[in-house]
Amino acid sequence: MKHICEGLQLVNVMQTSQQNSLVIVSRQPLTGLESLRGKKVGHWKVGFSELAFSLDNQYKLGIQWIPFLSSINLYISGAIDATLAMNYNEFYQLKEAGLRLRKEQLLYFRDIGYNIPEDGLYVTREYYRTHRQEVEKFAQATREGWEWAVNHPEETLDIVMQYTRQNGVATNMGAQRWMLNEICQMLKDIKTGKRTYRLDEKAFERANRILTENGIIKDPITYKQMTQP
């Protein structure tokens, strides 16, 4: 949405995520949003923090945002009071590091009115118009791939681990199993439990409202702009 607002004509051709996995992990128990006032909170330097910035702006919390690349080291070292994490990734890394996190230390964005879907498949409008058949076949293959992964988790993990070993990726089966399970849950519509692979219009409008009201994007974007080539 931010890219479209800046002039890049993108179109959503398939939506995998139907739920939000963003969580604030605090060192101390949280009694509400006020517990974050003025705190040092880690965020990804490469992005993915727009919802958190919107939350900070909406409630005037004055959070001190501390950038990190892709690591839990700032949190582990005690350099920050809390950190942004994805439930399927950094949250598991913190658990794997031996931290016993209680529910009072966790603030899930999906539980406080910020349940904005995440990953989808995007192409430029121009590319879609000139390669429509290829794009639609790729989207269909991606849907079929995820359906296969949902129904064949162990085979999926074997394939993933094969490629991580070939490419020297530092991970393990436990981490990948956690990630696959969490991602498969995110594929489901929170109300119906179905995997639609479509961008929900109500969720889209929720994102529109949050991002415009908090200055992340200048002008609202229509659902048609996002989904129709």
C-alpha atoms as a PDB file:
ATOM      1  CA  MET A   1       0.000   0.000   0.000  1.00  0.00           C
ATOM      2  CA  LYS A   2       2.877   2.326   0.803  1.00  0.00           C
ATOM      3  CA  HIS A   3       4.523   1.585  -2.554  1.00  0.00           C
ATOM      4  CA  ILE A   4       1.261   2.195  -4.423  1.00  0.00           C
ATOM      5  CA  CYS A   5       0.829   5.510  -2.625  1.00  0.00           C
ATOM      6  CA  GLU A   6       4.349   6.435  -3.785  1.00  0.00           C
ATOM      7  CA  GLY A   7       3.437   5.680  -7.405  1.00  0.00           C
ATOM      8  CA  LEU A   8       4.473   2.064  -7.960  1.00  0.00           C
ATOM      9  CA  GLN A   9       1.511   0.340  -9.604  1.00  0.00           C
ATOM     10  CA  LEU A  10       1.284  -3.044  -7.887  1.00  0.00           C
ATOM     11  CA  VAL A  11      -1.566  -5.532  -7.991  1.00  0.00           C
ATOM     12  CA  ASN A  12      -2.279  -8.331  -5.519  1.00  0.00           C
ATOM     13  CA  VAL A  13      -2.759 -11.573  -7.468  1.00  0.00           C
ATOM     14  CA  MET A  14      -2.902 -13.915  -4.460  1.00  0.00           C
ATOM     15  CA  GLN A  15      -3.036 -13.486  -0.683  1.00  0.00           C
ATOM     16  CA  THR A  16      -1.455 -16.149   1.496  1.00  0.00           C
ATOM     17  CA  SER A  17      -1.566 -14.625   4.990  1.00  0.00           C
ATOM     18  CA  GLN A  18      -5.016 -13.920   6.405  1.00  0.00           C
ATOM     19  CA  GLN A  19      -3.882 -12.976   9.913  1.00  0.00           C
ATOM     20  CA  ASN A  20      -1.227 -10.862  11.571  1.00  0.00           C
ATOM     21  CA  SER A  21       1.741 -12.434  13.366  1.00  0.00           C
ATOM     22  CA  LEU A  22       3.361  -9.269  14.745  1.00  0.00           C
ATOM     23  CA  VAL A  23       3.983  -9.255  18.497  1.00  0.00           C
ATOM     24  CA  ILE A  24       5.736  -6.988  20.971  1.00  0.00           C
ATOM     25  CA  VAL A  25       7.809  -9.022  23.402  1.00  0.00           C
ATOM     26  CA  SER A  26       8.512  -7.102  26.609  1.00  0.00           C
ATOM     27  CA  ARG A  27      11.135  -7.808  29.258  1.00  0.00           C
ATOM     28  CA  GLN A  28       8.631  -6.879  31.947  1.00  0.00           C
ATOM     29  CA  PRO A  29       4.930  -7.780  32.231  1.00  0.00           C
ATOM     30  CA  LEU A  30       2.609  -5.456  30.320  1.00  0.00           C
ATOM     31  CA  THR A  31      -0.492  -4.131  32.042  1.00  0.00           C
ATOM     32  CA  GLY A  32      -1.644  -2.307  28.927  1.00  0.00           C
ATOM     33  CA  LEU A  33      -0.318  -0.043  26.212  1.00  0.00           C
ATOM     34  CA  GLU A  34       0.770   2.493  28.842  1.00  0.00           C
ATOM     35  CA  SER A  35       3.452   0.020  29.897  1.00  0.00           C
ATOM     36  CA  LEU A  36       5.230   0.859  26.620  1.00  0.00           C
ATOM     37  CA  ARG A  37       5.309   4.623  27.188  1.00  0.00           C
ATOM     38  CA  GLY A  38       8.808   5.967  26.551  1.00  0.00           C
ATOM     39  CA  LYS A  39      10.319   2.475  26.344  1.00  0.00           C
ATOM     40  CA  LYS A  40      13.131   1.378  24.056  1.00  0.00           C
ATOM     41  CA  VAL A  41      11.645  -1.063  21.550  1.00  0.00           C
ATOM     42  CA  GLY A  42      13.573  -2.851  18.809  1.00  0.00           C
ATOM     43  CA  HIS A  43      12.299  -2.795  15.227  1.00  0.00           C
ATOM     44  CA  TRP A  44      13.528  -4.151  11.906  1.00  0.00           C
ATOM     45  CA  LYS A  45      15.719  -1.691  10.038  1.00  0.00           C
ATOM     46  CA  VAL A  46      14.503  -3.108   6.707  1.00  0.00           C
ATOM     47  CA  GLY A  47      10.813  -2.407   7.353  1.00  0.00           C
ATOM     48  CA  PHE A  48       7.774  -4.413   8.513  1.00  0.00           C
ATOM     49  CA  SER A  49       7.239  -1.955  11.376  1.00  0.00           C
ATOM     50  CA  GLU A  50       4.499   0.305   9.992  1.00  0.00           C
ATOM     51  CA  LEU A  51       1.792  -1.124  12.253  1.00  0.00           C
ATOM     52  CA  ALA A  52       3.970  -0.612  15.308  1.00  0.00           C
ATOM     53  CA  PHE A  53       4.703   2.987  14.320  1.00  0.00           C
ATOM     54  CA  SER A  54       0.965   3.502  13.795  1.00  0.00           C
ATOM     55  CA  LEU A  55       0.215   2.128  17.262  1.00  0.00           C
ATOM     56  CA  ASP A  56       2.815   4.429  18.793  1.00  0.00           C
ATOM     57  CA  ASN A  57       1.377   7.446  16.982  1.00  0.00           C
ATOM     58  CA  GLN A  58      -2.264   6.616  17.715  1.00  0.00           C
ATOM     59  CA  TYR A  59      -1.718   6.357  21.470  1.00  0.00           C
ATOM     60  CA  LYS A  60       1.083   8.966  21.703  1.00  0.00           C
ATOM     61  CA  LEU A  61       3.337   6.546  23.558  1.00  0.00           C
ATOM     62  CA  GLY A  62       6.647   8.220  22.730  1.00  0.00           C
ATOM     63  CA  ILE A  63       8.374   4.894  22.120  1.00  0.00           C
ATOM     64  CA  GLN A  64      12.117   5.064  21.443  1.00  0.00           C
ATOM     65  CA  TRP A  65      12.526   2.900  18.352  1.00  0.00           C
ATOM     66  CA  ILE A  66      15.867   1.085  18.183  1.00  0.00           C
ATOM     67  CA  PRO A  67      16.663  -0.478  14.781  1.00  0.00           C
ATOM     68  CA  PHE A  68      18.144  -3.944  14.351  1.00  0.00           C
ATOM     69  CA  LEU A  69      18.891  -5.971  11.241  1.00  0.00           C
ATOM     70  CA  SER A  70      17.567  -9.456  11.911  1.00  0.00           C
ATOM     71  CA  SER A  71      18.495 -10.609  15.356  1.00  0.00           C
ATOM     72  CA  ILE A  72      17.309 -11.054  18.935  1.00  0.00           C
ATOM     73  CA  ASN A  73      20.672  -9.941  20.354  1.00  0.00           C
ATOM     74  CA  LEU A  74      19.521  -6.482  21.488  1.00  0.00           C
ATOM     75  CA  TYR A  75      16.737  -8.051  23.533  1.00  0.00           C
ATOM     76  CA  ILE A  76      18.897 -10.848  24.937  1.00  0.00           C
ATOM     77  CA  SER A  77      21.611  -8.390  25.986  1.00  0.00           C
ATOM     78  CA  GLY A  78      19.141  -6.176  27.837  1.00  0.00           C
ATOM     79  CA  ALA A  79      19.871  -3.159  25.625  1.00  0.00           C
ATOM     80  CA  ILE A  80      16.161  -2.631  24.924  1.00  0.00           C
ATOM     81  CA  ASP A  81      12.975  -2.919  26.970  1.00  0.00           C
ATOM     82  CA  ALA A  82      11.009  -4.795  24.314  1.00  0.00           C
ATOM     83  CA  THR A  83      11.243  -5.914  20.723  1.00  0.00           C
ATOM     84  CA  LEU A  84       9.043  -6.442  17.712  1.00  0.00           C
ATOM     85  CA  ALA A  85       8.934 -10.066  16.631  1.00  0.00           C
ATOM     86  CA  MET A  86       7.092 -12.309  14.229  1.00  0.00           C
ATOM     87  CA  ASN A  87       5.343 -15.116  16.064  1.00  0.00           C
ATOM     88  CA  TYR A  88       6.681 -17.635  13.542  1.00  0.00           C
ATOM     89  CA  ASN A  89      10.290 -16.405  13.660  1.00  0.00           C
ATOM     90  CA  GLU A  90      11.902 -14.171  16.292  1.00  0.00           C
ATOM     91  CA  PHE A  91       9.461 -15.240  19.003  1.00  0.00           C
ATOM     92  CA  TYR A  92      10.600 -18.838  18.542  1.00  0.00           C
ATOM     93  CA  GLN A  93      14.243 -17.719  18.540  1.00  0.00           C
ATOM     94  CA  LEU A  94      13.701 -16.127  21.943  1.00  0.00           C
ATOM     95  CA  LYS A  95      12.181 -19.340  23.251  1.00  0.00           C
ATOM     96  CA  GLU A  96      15.006 -21.351  21.713  1.00  0.00           C
ATOM     97  CA  ALA A  97      17.479 -19.073  23.515  1.00  0.00           C
ATOM     98  CA  GLY A  98      16.036 -20.332  26.782  1.00  0.00           C
ATOM     99  CA  LEU A  99      13.713 -17.476  27.734  1.00  0.00           C
ATOM    100  CA  ARG A 100      10.554 -18.429  29.560  1.00  0.00           C
ATOM    101  CA  LEU A 101       8.166 -15.836  28.232  1.00  0.00           C
ATOM    102  CA  ARG A 102       4.825 -15.398  29.957  1.00  0.00           C
ATOM    103  CA  LYS A 103       1.677 -14.244  28.224  1.00  0.00           C
ATOM    104  CA  GLU A 104       1.836 -10.995  30.232  1.00  0.00           C
ATOM    105  CA  GLN A 105       5.014 -10.136  28.305  1.00  0.00           C
ATOM    106  CA  LEU A 106       3.378 -10.496  24.900  1.00  0.00           C
ATOM    107  CA  LEU A 107       1.228  -8.013  23.013  1.00  0.00           C
ATOM    108  CA  TYR A 108      -0.209  -9.433  19.776  1.00  0.00           C
ATOM    109  CA  PHE A 109      -1.299  -6.818  17.252  1.00  0.00           C
ATOM    110  CA  ARG A 110      -4.131  -9.048  16.031  1.00  0.00           C
ATOM    111  CA  ASP A 111      -5.677  -8.852  19.520  1.00  0.00           C
ATOM    112  CA  ILE A 112      -5.806  -5.051  19.706  1.00  0.00           C
ATOM    113  CA  GLY A 113      -7.566  -4.139  16.454  1.00  0.00           C
ATOM    114  CA  TYR A 114      -4.535  -4.432  14.173  1.00  0.00           C
ATOM    115  CA  ASN A 115      -5.201  -7.801  12.538  1.00  0.00           C
ATOM    116  CA  ILE A 116      -3.791  -6.822   9.143  1.00  0.00           C
ATOM    117  CA  PRO A 117      -2.941  -9.685   6.730  1.00  0.00           C
ATOM    118  CA  GLU A 118       0.709  -9.966   5.821  1.00  0.00           C
ATOM    119  CA  ASP A 119       2.306 -11.812   2.906  1.00  0.00           C
ATOM    120  CA  GLY A 120       0.745 -11.869  -0.536  1.00  0.00           C
ATOM    121  CA  LEU A 121       1.880 -12.234  -4.125  1.00  0.00           C
ATOM    122  CA  TYR A 122       2.301  -8.947  -6.015  1.00  0.00           C
ATOM    123  CA  VAL A 123       3.328  -7.984  -9.537  1.00  0.00           C
ATOM    124  CA  THR A 124       3.350  -4.662 -11.327  1.00  0.00           C
ATOM    125  CA  ARG A 125       0.166  -3.872 -13.222  1.00  0.00           C
ATOM    126  CA  GLU A 126       2.157  -3.568 -16.457  1.00  0.00           C
ATOM    127  CA  TYR A 127       3.730  -7.008 -15.989  1.00  0.00           C
ATOM    128  CA  TYR A 128       0.350  -8.580 -15.261  1.00  0.00           C
ATOM    129  CA  ARG A 129      -1.155  -7.127 -18.422  1.00  0.00           C
ATOM    130  CA  THR A 130       1.688  -8.413 -20.609  1.00  0.00           C
ATOM    131  CA  HIS A 131       2.138 -11.783 -18.839  1.00  0.00           C
ATOM    132  CA  ARG A 132      -1.342 -12.551 -17.550  1.00  0.00           C
ATOM    133  CA  GLN A 133      -1.269 -16.264 -18.325  1.00  0.00           C
ATOM    134  CA  GLU A 134       2.123 -16.773 -16.680  1.00  0.00           C
ATOM    135  CA  VAL A 135       1.120 -14.811 -13.572  1.00  0.00           C
ATOM    136  CA  GLU A 136      -2.131 -16.703 -13.122  1.00  0.00           C
ATOM    137  CA  LYS A 137      -0.385 -20.053 -13.557  1.00  0.00           C
ATOM    138  CA  PHE A 138       2.234 -19.059 -11.012  1.00  0.00           C
ATOM    139  CA  ALA A 139      -0.435 -17.968  -8.526  1.00  0.00           C
ATOM    140  CA  GLN A 140      -2.299 -21.248  -9.023  1.00  0.00           C
ATOM    141  CA  ALA A 141       0.899 -23.263  -8.561  1.00  0.00           C
ATOM    142  CA  THR A 142       1.633 -21.335  -5.365  1.00  0.00           C
ATOM    143  CA  ARG A 143      -1.823 -22.093  -3.974  1.00  0.00           C
ATOM    144  CA  GLU A 144      -1.403 -25.769  -4.813  1.00  0.00           C
ATOM    145  CA  GLY A 145       2.035 -25.751  -3.203  1.00  0.00           C
ATOM    146  CA  TRP A 146       0.689 -24.382   0.068  1.00  0.00           C
ATOM    147  CA  GLU A 147      -2.191 -26.845   0.058  1.00  0.00           C
ATOM    148  CA  TRP A 148       0.314 -29.662  -0.408  1.00  0.00           C
ATOM    149  CA  ALA A 149       2.448 -28.301   2.440  1.00  0.00           C
ATOM    150  CA  VAL A 150      -0.564 -28.155   4.769  1.00  0.00           C
ATOM    151  CA  ASN A 151      -1.420 -31.781   4.019  1.00  0.00           C
ATOM    152  CA  HIS A 152       2.167 -33.098   3.931  1.00  0.00           C
ATOM    153  CA  PRO A 153       4.021 -31.271   6.729  1.00  0.00           C
ATOM    154  CA  GLU A 154       6.784 -33.831   7.291  1.00  0.00           C
ATOM    155  CA  GLU A 155       7.606 -34.113   3.593  1.00  0.00           C
ATOM    156  CA  THR A 156       7.584 -30.300   3.390  1.00  0.00           C
ATOM    157  CA  LEU A 157      10.042 -30.037   6.276  1.00  0.00           C
ATOM    158  CA  ASP A 158      12.345 -32.608   4.672  1.00  0.00           C
ATOM    159  CA  ILE A 159      12.432 -30.528   1.480  1.00  0.00           C
ATOM    160  CA  VAL A 160      13.050 -27.293   3.407  1.00  0.00           C
ATOM    161  CA  MET A 161      15.894 -28.823   5.421  1.00  0.00           C
ATOM    162  CA  GLN A 162      17.450 -30.208   2.252  1.00  0.00           C
ATOM    163  CA  TYR A 163      17.698 -26.733   0.758  1.00  0.00           C
ATOM    164  CA  THR A 164      18.844 -25.057   3.978  1.00  0.00           C
ATOM    165  CA  ARG A 165      21.738 -27.538   4.216  1.00  0.00           C
ATOM    166  CA  GLN A 166      22.649 -27.037   0.562  1.00  0.00           C
ATOM    167  CA  ASN A 167      22.742 -23.259   1.019  1.00  0.00           C
ATOM    168  CA  GLY A 168      24.347 -23.089   4.457  1.00  0.00           C
ATOM    169  CA  VAL A 169      21.310 -21.573   6.200  1.00  0.00           C
ATOM    170  CA  ALA A 170      21.610 -21.691   9.987  1.00  0.00           C
ATOM    171  CA  THR A 171      18.401 -23.349  11.197  1.00  0.00           C
ATOM    172  CA  ASN A 172      17.110 -26.625  12.566  1.00  0.00           C
ATOM    173  CA  MET A 173      14.122 -28.923  12.194  1.00  0.00           C
ATOM    174  CA  GLY A 174      12.486 -27.656  15.393  1.00  0.00           C
ATOM    175  CA  ALA A 175      12.531 -24.048  14.197  1.00  0.00           C
ATOM    176  CA  GLN A 176      11.221 -24.946  10.761  1.00  0.00           C
ATOM    177  CA  ARG A 177       8.460 -27.123  12.222  1.00  0.00           C
ATOM    178  CA  TRP A 178       7.339 -24.236  14.454  1.00  0.00           C
ATOM    179  CA  MET A 179       7.453 -21.828  11.513  1.00  0.00           C
ATOM    180  CA  LEU A 180       5.499 -24.106   9.186  1.00  0.00           C
ATOM    181  CA  ASN A 181       2.801 -24.725  11.789  1.00  0.00           C
ATOM    182  CA  GLU A 182       2.402 -20.994  12.513  1.00  0.00           C
ATOM    183  CA  ILE A 183       2.357 -20.030   8.833  1.00  0.00           C
ATOM    184  CA  CYS A 184      -0.255 -22.702   8.066  1.00  0.00           C
ATOM    185  CA  GLN A 185      -2.440 -21.248  10.821  1.00  0.00           C
ATOM    186  CA  MET A 186      -2.051 -17.777   9.300  1.00  0.00           C
ATOM    187  CA  LEU A 187      -3.362 -19.067   5.970  1.00  0.00           C
ATOM    188  CA  LYS A 188      -6.809 -19.478   7.555  1.00  0.00           C
ATOM    189  CA  ASP A 189      -9.494 -16.844   7.732  1.00  0.00           C
ATOM    190  CA  ILE A 190      -9.848 -16.116  11.446  1.00  0.00           C
ATOM    191  CA  LYS A 191     -13.665 -16.361  11.310  1.00  0.00           C
ATOM    192  CA  THR A 192     -14.299 -19.216   8.889  1.00  0.00           C
ATOM    193  CA  GLY A 193     -11.103 -21.227   9.284  1.00  0.00           C
ATOM    194  CA  LYS A 194     -10.886 -21.533   5.489  1.00  0.00           C
ATOM    195  CA  ARG A 195      -7.885 -20.862   3.246  1.00  0.00           C
ATOM    196  CA  THR A 196      -9.184 -18.458   0.605  1.00  0.00           C
ATOM    197  CA  TYR A 197      -5.937 -17.076  -0.880  1.00  0.00           C
ATOM    198  CA  ARG A 198      -7.800 -13.821  -1.469  1.00  0.00           C
ATOM    199  CA  LEU A 199      -7.227 -10.419   0.098  1.00  0.00           C
ATOM    200  CA  ASP A 200     -10.146  -9.755   2.419  1.00  0.00           C
ATOM    201  CA  GLU A 201     -11.768  -6.410   1.642  1.00  0.00           C
ATOM    202  CA  LYS A 202     -12.633  -5.605   5.269  1.00  0.00           C
ATOM    203  CA  ALA A 203      -9.070  -6.317   6.366  1.00  0.00           C
ATOM    204  CA  PHE A 204      -7.826  -4.149   3.500  1.00  0.00           C
ATOM    205  CA  GLU A 205     -10.014  -1.235   4.602  1.00  0.00           C
ATOM    206  CA  ARG A 206      -8.812  -1.683   8.178  1.00  0.00           C
ATOM    207  CA  ALA A 207      -5.245  -1.321   6.931  1.00  0.00           C
ATOM    208  CA  ASN A 208      -6.269   1.727   4.889  1.00  0.00           C
ATOM    209  CA  ARG A 209      -7.722   3.422   7.944  1.00  0.00           C
ATOM    210  CA  ILE A 210      -4.801   2.654  10.253  1.00  0.00           C
ATOM    211  CA  LEU A 211      -2.129   3.722   7.784  1.00  0.00           C
ATOM    212  CA  THR A 212      -3.833   6.941   6.681  1.00  0.00           C
ATOM    213  CA  GLU A 213      -4.880   8.064  10.159  1.00  0.00           C
ATOM    214  CA  ASN A 214      -1.306   7.667  11.388  1.00  0.00           C
ATOM    215  CA  GLY A 215       0.484   9.236   8.441  1.00  0.00           C
ATOM    216  CA  ILE A 216       2.114   6.094   7.034  1.00  0.00           C
ATOM    217  CA  ILE A 217       0.394   6.673   3.680  1.00  0.00           C
ATOM    218  CA  LYS A 218      -0.852  10.041   2.467  1.00  0.00           C
ATOM    219  CA  ASP A 219      -4.048   9.028   0.677  1.00  0.00           C
ATOM    220  CA  PRO A 220      -6.348   6.019   0.985  1.00  0.00           C
ATOM    221  CA  ILE A 221      -6.059   3.327  -1.684  1.00  0.00           C
ATOM    222  CA  THR A 222      -9.099   1.583  -3.111  1.00  0.00           C
ATOM    223  CA  TYR A 223      -9.562  -2.161  -2.986  1.00  0.00           C
ATOM    224  CA  LYS A 224      -9.950  -2.102  -6.766  1.00  0.00           C
ATOM    225  CA  GLN A 225      -6.550  -0.421  -7.126  1.00  0.00           C
ATOM    226  CA  MET A 226      -4.953  -3.221  -5.154  1.00  0.00           C
ATOM    227  CA  THR A 227      -6.684  -6.237  -6.638  1.00  0.00           C
ATOM    228  CA  GLN A 228      -7.811  -5.460 -10.203  1.00  0.00           C
ATOM    229  CA  PRO A 229      -5.345  -5.130 -13.066  1.00  0.00           C
END
